[in-house]
Amino acid sequence: MNWLGLATILAQGLVIAFALSVWWVARRIRRPPRRTYASALARGKPGDPSELLSPREFTEWSLDWRGVRLPVWDIPGDAPSGPVIVCTPGWADSRLGALSRLPALLPHASRVIAWDPPGLGDAPNWPRGPLSGWPMGTREHEMIHAMLERLGDERPVVLFGWSAGGGISIVAAADHPSITGVIAEAPYRLAWTPAFRVLRMMKLPWRVNGPVAFALMGIRLGVGPRWRAFDRAEHASRLRCPLLVLHGDQDEVCPIDDGRAIANAAPRGTLAIIAGGHHNDLWTDETLAQRCADAIDRFLSAPLSPEGRAPE
């Protein structure tokens, strides 16, 4: 038997298997499942604000950003002099995720803007091509800035995001000093934290192929293999406005220690710990949803401005 030849074949097989595992991780993260109107319809869930149990009027328009058309819901709120609240979803979610949060936001808002970043919901991938997809929190803050310019609304602005959207909202506010407040639900500090935790829960390999996949994606997205300047706690330290971090103490995807570090880093950060809350049930469990709504009510009822104070 030619042991050298057999060893060569096995080595080639291992290399191919490893390359495929790296490719799978990268594609899975950059091409998440889509939450669209059709998916909501298939599950018997509301597909837009007009289909809620308490229907809301809204207009739909799109934001053009570098040749990508991003769909937007523009929902009038119940407080004409209140802030404009911009909702940014996380991985594998979309503006549909804003629907469950609307009851907590509309009483305080003049408008609620819910949008789909590239690669999520009904938005196309970015950039175009075989390696396109979700930008992974590296460009969406620029899109929020473009949206605020498009809105041209002189009322205060509060950014609200969940999971990846929470970190994106923090970055957008840190780079836009006129924003008056940020609500970050279940944020995480480092780009790979939720992905590696989910892969581990699924009992899939991640210790070797995961870091390689993230290094390659970081190069592709222009932030480098070590994802320079991604840490959301560092961005939170630059905030001039109040920050509210909502975080379930049982979150298995984004650890509450990340939420605590982000809130502590912000000059005027507040951490609202949602006892018994996990990553995906804060608005589906009635008791947890009420705790989240109460925290948001306290935050939005306090005076908010870039120079204001965070509520106690």
Protein backbone atom coordinates (compact mmCIF):
# COMPACT_ATOMS: atom_id res chain seq x y z
CA MET A 1 0.00 0.00 0.00
CA ASN A 2 1.26 3.45 -0.87
CA TRP A 3 1.01 5.11 2.55
CA LEU A 4 2.36 8.40 1.26
CA GLY A 5 -0.30 8.56 -1.44
CA LEU A 6 -3.03 7.70 1.08
CA ALA A 7 -1.75 10.35 3.47
CA THR A 8 -1.76 12.90 0.65
CA ILE A 9 -5.35 12.08 -0.26
CA LEU A 10 -6.42 12.33 3.38
CA ALA A 11 -4.62 15.65 3.79
CA GLN A 12 -6.30 17.01 0.67
CA GLY A 13 -9.65 15.84 1.98
CA LEU A 14 -9.08 17.58 5.30
CA VAL A 15 -8.09 20.80 3.55
CA ILE A 16 -11.21 20.68 1.38
CA ALA A 17 -13.41 19.91 4.38
CA PHE A 18 -11.88 22.79 6.33
CA ALA A 19 -12.29 25.19 3.41
CA LEU A 20 -15.93 24.16 3.04
CA SER A 21 -16.56 24.69 6.76
CA VAL A 22 -15.03 28.18 6.56
CA TRP A 23 -17.15 28.95 3.48
CA TRP A 24 -20.30 27.66 5.21
CA VAL A 25 -19.76 29.84 8.30
CA ALA A 26 -19.11 32.95 6.20
CA ARG A 27 -22.07 32.36 3.91
CA ARG A 28 -24.42 31.52 6.78
CA ILE A 29 -23.56 34.76 8.56
CA ARG A 30 -23.56 37.05 5.53
CA ARG A 31 -26.67 35.47 3.99
CA PRO A 32 -29.06 35.10 6.95
CA PRO A 33 -32.62 33.79 6.60
CA ARG A 34 -35.01 36.45 5.34
CA ARG A 35 -37.97 37.78 7.35
CA THR A 36 -40.29 39.21 4.71
CA TYR A 37 -44.00 39.86 4.26
CA ALA A 38 -44.34 36.41 2.71
CA SER A 39 -42.67 34.74 5.70
CA ALA A 40 -44.97 36.59 8.10
CA LEU A 41 -48.00 35.58 6.04
CA ALA A 42 -46.88 31.95 6.06
CA ARG A 43 -46.71 32.02 9.87
CA GLY A 44 -50.01 33.82 10.27
CA LYS A 45 -48.30 36.93 11.67
CA PRO A 46 -48.80 40.61 10.80
CA GLY A 47 -46.76 41.60 7.77
CA ASP A 48 -46.94 45.37 8.19
CA PRO A 49 -48.33 47.93 10.68
CA SER A 50 -51.80 47.90 9.10
CA GLU A 51 -52.22 44.21 10.00
CA LEU A 52 -51.64 44.59 13.74
CA LEU A 53 -54.47 43.93 16.19
CA SER A 54 -54.53 47.71 16.60
CA PRO A 55 -53.82 48.70 12.97
CA ARG A 56 -51.53 51.64 12.32
CA GLU A 57 -51.35 53.80 9.23
CA PHE A 58 -47.96 54.07 7.60
CA THR A 59 -46.23 55.11 4.44
CA GLU A 60 -43.59 53.09 2.65
CA TRP A 61 -40.60 54.52 0.88
CA SER A 62 -37.02 53.55 0.16
CA LEU A 63 -33.63 54.97 0.97
CA ASP A 64 -31.12 54.95 -1.86
CA TRP A 65 -27.64 54.29 -0.49
CA ARG A 66 -24.77 53.66 -2.89
CA GLY A 67 -27.04 52.10 -5.47
CA VAL A 68 -28.94 49.93 -2.95
CA ARG A 69 -32.63 50.64 -2.31
CA LEU A 70 -33.49 50.02 1.34
CA PRO A 71 -37.21 49.67 2.20
CA VAL A 72 -38.61 51.86 4.99
CA TRP A 73 -41.85 52.03 6.98
CA ASP A 74 -42.71 55.52 8.21
CA ILE A 75 -45.27 55.19 11.02
CA PRO A 76 -46.87 58.26 12.66
CA GLY A 77 -46.60 58.21 16.44
CA ASP A 78 -48.95 59.42 19.16
CA ALA A 79 -46.78 62.30 20.44
CA PRO A 80 -46.55 65.07 17.80
CA SER A 81 -43.71 66.80 19.63
CA GLY A 82 -41.93 63.56 20.53
CA PRO A 83 -38.76 62.21 19.00
CA VAL A 84 -38.36 60.39 15.71
CA ILE A 85 -37.42 56.83 16.66
CA VAL A 86 -35.37 54.87 14.12
CA CYS A 87 -35.54 51.06 14.53
CA THR A 88 -32.68 48.90 13.27
CA PRO A 89 -32.98 45.09 13.33
CA GLY A 90 -30.36 42.45 14.02
CA TRP A 91 -29.19 39.38 12.12
CA ALA A 92 -31.94 37.34 10.43
CA ASP A 93 -34.55 39.93 11.43
CA SER A 94 -36.08 42.84 9.55
CA ARG A 95 -38.42 45.77 10.02
CA LEU A 96 -40.99 43.14 10.96
CA GLY A 97 -39.22 43.00 14.30
CA ALA A 98 -40.33 46.57 14.98
CA LEU A 99 -43.99 45.53 15.00
CA SER A 100 -43.82 43.87 18.43
CA ARG A 101 -41.97 46.89 19.82
CA LEU A 102 -44.35 49.54 18.47
CA PRO A 103 -46.70 49.55 21.51
CA ALA A 104 -43.76 50.62 23.69
CA LEU A 105 -42.56 53.27 21.23
CA LEU A 106 -45.58 54.92 19.64
CA PRO A 107 -46.90 56.68 22.79
CA HIS A 108 -43.60 58.61 22.96
CA ALA A 109 -42.79 59.08 19.28
CA SER A 110 -43.78 61.56 16.62
CA ARG A 111 -42.65 59.05 13.99
CA VAL A 112 -41.24 55.54 14.07
CA ILE A 113 -38.95 54.64 11.18
CA ALA A 114 -38.42 50.91 10.63
CA TRP A 115 -36.06 49.84 7.88
CA ASP A 116 -34.31 46.83 6.35
CA PRO A 117 -30.50 47.03 6.12
CA PRO A 118 -28.85 45.28 3.17
CA GLY A 119 -29.17 41.52 3.24
CA LEU A 120 -32.10 41.57 5.68
CA GLY A 121 -35.84 41.44 5.05
CA ASP A 122 -36.73 42.84 1.64
CA ALA A 123 -33.46 44.71 1.10
CA PRO A 124 -30.98 43.55 -1.55
CA ASN A 125 -27.52 42.29 -0.64
CA TRP A 126 -24.50 44.58 -0.42
CA PRO A 127 -22.23 44.86 -2.21
CA ARG A 128 -23.39 43.03 -5.30
CA GLY A 129 -21.66 39.88 -6.40
CA PRO A 130 -20.99 36.34 -5.13
CA LEU A 131 -19.48 37.61 -1.87
CA SER A 132 -22.28 40.04 -1.11
CA GLY A 133 -24.73 39.97 1.77
CA TRP A 134 -25.34 41.56 5.15
CA PRO A 135 -22.65 44.18 6.02
CA MET A 136 -22.39 42.80 9.59
CA GLY A 137 -22.59 46.16 11.31
CA THR A 138 -19.70 47.74 9.40
CA ARG A 139 -21.63 50.20 7.19
CA GLU A 140 -25.16 50.49 8.52
CA HIS A 141 -24.36 53.52 10.69
CA GLU A 142 -23.61 55.42 7.47
CA MET A 143 -27.03 54.40 6.16
CA ILE A 144 -28.70 55.73 9.31
CA HIS A 145 -26.92 59.06 8.82
CA ALA A 146 -28.14 59.17 5.21
CA MET A 147 -31.66 58.36 6.38
CA LEU A 148 -31.66 61.18 8.92
CA GLU A 149 -30.53 63.57 6.20
CA ARG A 150 -33.31 62.29 3.95
CA LEU A 151 -35.90 62.73 6.71
CA GLY A 152 -34.96 66.34 7.29
CA ASP A 153 -36.98 66.29 10.51
CA GLU A 154 -35.99 68.89 13.09
CA ARG A 155 -37.47 66.95 16.00
CA PRO A 156 -35.17 64.98 18.35
CA VAL A 157 -33.97 61.58 17.17
CA VAL A 158 -33.71 58.39 19.24
CA LEU A 159 -32.08 55.29 17.77
CA PHE A 160 -33.39 51.88 18.81
CA GLY A 161 -31.78 48.65 17.70
CA TRP A 162 -31.74 45.06 18.84
CA SER A 163 -28.83 42.60 18.80
CA ALA A 164 -26.59 43.73 15.91
CA GLY A 165 -28.93 46.69 15.44
CA GLY A 166 -28.19 47.82 18.98
CA GLY A 167 -24.48 48.10 18.27
CA ILE A 168 -25.15 49.79 14.94
CA SER A 169 -27.33 52.38 16.70
CA ILE A 170 -24.55 53.08 19.21
CA VAL A 171 -22.01 53.65 16.45
CA ALA A 172 -24.42 55.87 14.50
CA ALA A 173 -25.11 58.02 17.58
CA ALA A 174 -21.43 58.27 18.53
CA ASP A 175 -20.71 59.65 15.05
CA HIS A 176 -23.77 61.93 14.94
CA PRO A 177 -23.73 64.20 18.01
CA SER A 178 -27.20 65.64 17.43
CA ILE A 179 -28.90 62.30 18.26
CA THR A 180 -30.66 62.63 21.60
CA GLY A 181 -30.81 59.04 22.85
CA VAL A 182 -30.05 55.40 22.10
CA ILE A 183 -31.84 52.21 23.14
CA ALA A 184 -29.72 49.11 22.56
CA GLU A 185 -31.48 45.80 23.17
CA ALA A 186 -29.26 42.75 23.73
CA PRO A 187 -26.13 44.26 22.15
CA TYR A 188 -22.78 42.51 21.91
CA ARG A 189 -19.25 43.90 21.94
CA LEU A 190 -17.25 41.87 19.38
CA ALA A 191 -18.36 40.87 15.90
CA TRP A 192 -17.95 37.11 16.39
CA THR A 193 -19.53 36.70 19.84
CA PRO A 194 -23.11 35.75 18.85
CA ALA A 195 -22.02 33.64 15.88
CA PHE A 196 -19.63 31.49 17.90
CA ARG A 197 -22.15 31.06 20.72
CA VAL A 198 -24.88 29.95 18.31
CA LEU A 199 -22.54 27.52 16.55
CA ARG A 200 -21.52 26.09 19.91
CA MET A 201 -25.18 25.64 20.93
CA MET A 202 -25.81 23.86 17.63
CA LYS A 203 -22.79 21.61 18.36
CA LEU A 204 -21.15 22.69 15.10
CA PRO A 205 -17.40 23.26 14.66
CA TRP A 206 -16.28 26.85 15.23
CA ARG A 207 -13.02 27.01 17.20
CA VAL A 208 -10.74 26.90 14.14
CA ASN A 209 -12.92 27.54 11.11
CA GLY A 210 -14.83 30.37 12.84
CA PRO A 211 -11.85 32.70 13.40
CA VAL A 212 -10.61 32.05 9.86
CA ALA A 213 -14.06 32.85 8.43
CA PHE A 214 -14.27 36.08 10.42
CA ALA A 215 -10.76 37.11 9.41
CA LEU A 216 -11.65 36.65 5.74
CA MET A 217 -14.98 38.47 6.14
CA GLY A 218 -13.24 41.32 7.95
CA ILE A 219 -10.83 41.71 5.04
CA ARG A 220 -13.72 41.59 2.58
CA LEU A 221 -15.65 44.26 4.52
CA GLY A 222 -12.67 46.55 4.90
CA VAL A 223 -12.23 46.32 8.68
CA GLY A 224 -9.27 43.96 8.59
CA PRO A 225 -8.85 40.40 9.88
CA ARG A 226 -9.02 41.56 13.52
CA TRP A 227 -12.12 43.73 12.98
CA ARG A 228 -10.44 46.91 14.09
CA ALA A 229 -12.56 49.52 15.87
CA PHE A 230 -15.59 47.21 16.13
CA ASP A 231 -15.86 46.95 19.93
CA ARG A 232 -19.24 48.47 20.79
CA ALA A 233 -18.11 49.40 24.30
CA GLU A 234 -15.45 51.65 22.80
CA HIS A 235 -18.07 53.35 20.64
CA ALA A 236 -20.40 53.68 23.65
CA SER A 237 -17.65 55.58 25.46
CA ARG A 238 -17.91 58.29 22.77
CA LEU A 239 -21.65 58.86 23.21
CA ARG A 240 -22.81 62.31 24.25
CA CYS A 241 -26.44 61.28 24.63
CA PRO A 242 -28.09 58.93 27.16
CA LEU A 243 -27.95 55.21 26.44
CA LEU A 244 -30.38 52.56 27.66
CA VAL A 245 -29.26 48.95 27.38
CA LEU A 246 -32.03 46.34 27.64
CA HIS A 247 -30.67 42.86 28.30
CA GLY A 248 -32.14 39.56 29.42
CA ASP A 249 -30.11 37.95 32.19
CA GLN A 250 -30.49 34.54 30.52
CA ASP A 251 -29.40 35.66 27.05
CA GLU A 252 -27.60 32.70 25.54
CA VAL A 253 -26.57 34.48 22.32
CA CYS A 254 -25.34 37.90 23.48
CA PRO A 255 -24.04 37.61 27.06
CA ILE A 256 -25.34 40.11 29.58
CA ASP A 257 -21.73 40.86 30.51
CA ASP A 258 -21.43 42.52 27.09
CA GLY A 259 -24.52 44.62 27.75
CA ARG A 260 -23.17 45.60 31.16
CA ALA A 261 -19.78 46.58 29.72
CA ILE A 262 -21.41 48.67 27.01
CA ALA A 263 -23.69 50.46 29.48
CA ASN A 264 -20.79 51.08 31.88
CA ALA A 265 -18.61 52.47 29.09
CA ALA A 266 -21.18 55.10 28.09
CA PRO A 267 -20.86 58.41 30.00
CA ARG A 268 -24.60 58.31 30.63
CA GLY A 269 -25.46 54.67 30.25
CA THR A 270 -28.18 52.73 32.05
CA LEU A 271 -28.55 48.94 32.10
CA ALA A 272 -32.06 47.53 32.48
CA ILE A 273 -31.72 43.84 33.34
CA ILE A 274 -34.76 41.88 32.21
CA ALA A 275 -34.93 39.02 34.71
CA GLY A 276 -35.64 35.69 33.04
CA GLY A 277 -35.18 37.15 29.56
CA HIS A 278 -33.42 35.28 26.77
CA HIS A 279 -32.29 36.62 23.39
CA ASN A 280 -35.45 36.11 21.37
CA ASP A 281 -38.30 36.25 23.87
CA LEU A 282 -38.17 39.79 25.25
CA TRP A 283 -41.19 40.82 23.15
CA THR A 284 -42.93 37.47 22.71
CA ASP A 285 -43.33 36.75 26.42
CA GLU A 286 -46.01 39.07 27.83
CA THR A 287 -44.32 39.52 31.21
CA LEU A 288 -40.90 40.23 29.70
CA ALA A 289 -42.39 42.59 27.13
CA GLN A 290 -44.00 44.62 29.90
CA ARG A 291 -40.67 44.90 31.73
CA CYS A 292 -39.01 46.11 28.53
CA ALA A 293 -41.84 48.57 27.87
CA ASP A 294 -41.58 49.94 31.42
CA ALA A 295 -37.85 50.54 31.02
CA ILE A 296 -38.38 52.27 27.67
CA ASP A 297 -41.18 54.36 29.16
CA ARG A 298 -38.89 55.59 31.94
CA PHE A 299 -36.13 56.34 29.46
CA LEU A 300 -38.25 58.19 26.93
CA SER A 301 -40.21 60.07 29.61
CA ALA A 302 -37.01 61.71 30.87
CA PRO A 303 -35.61 64.80 29.13
CA LEU A 304 -33.34 63.64 26.32
CA SER A 305 -30.78 65.71 24.48
CA PRO A 306 -27.14 65.37 23.45
CA GLU A 307 -26.27 67.25 26.63
CA GLY A 308 -29.02 65.71 28.77
CA ARG A 309 -28.82 63.23 31.62
CA ALA A 310 -29.66 59.55 31.53
CA PRO A 311 -32.62 58.58 33.71
CA GLU A 312 -31.84 56.99 37.04
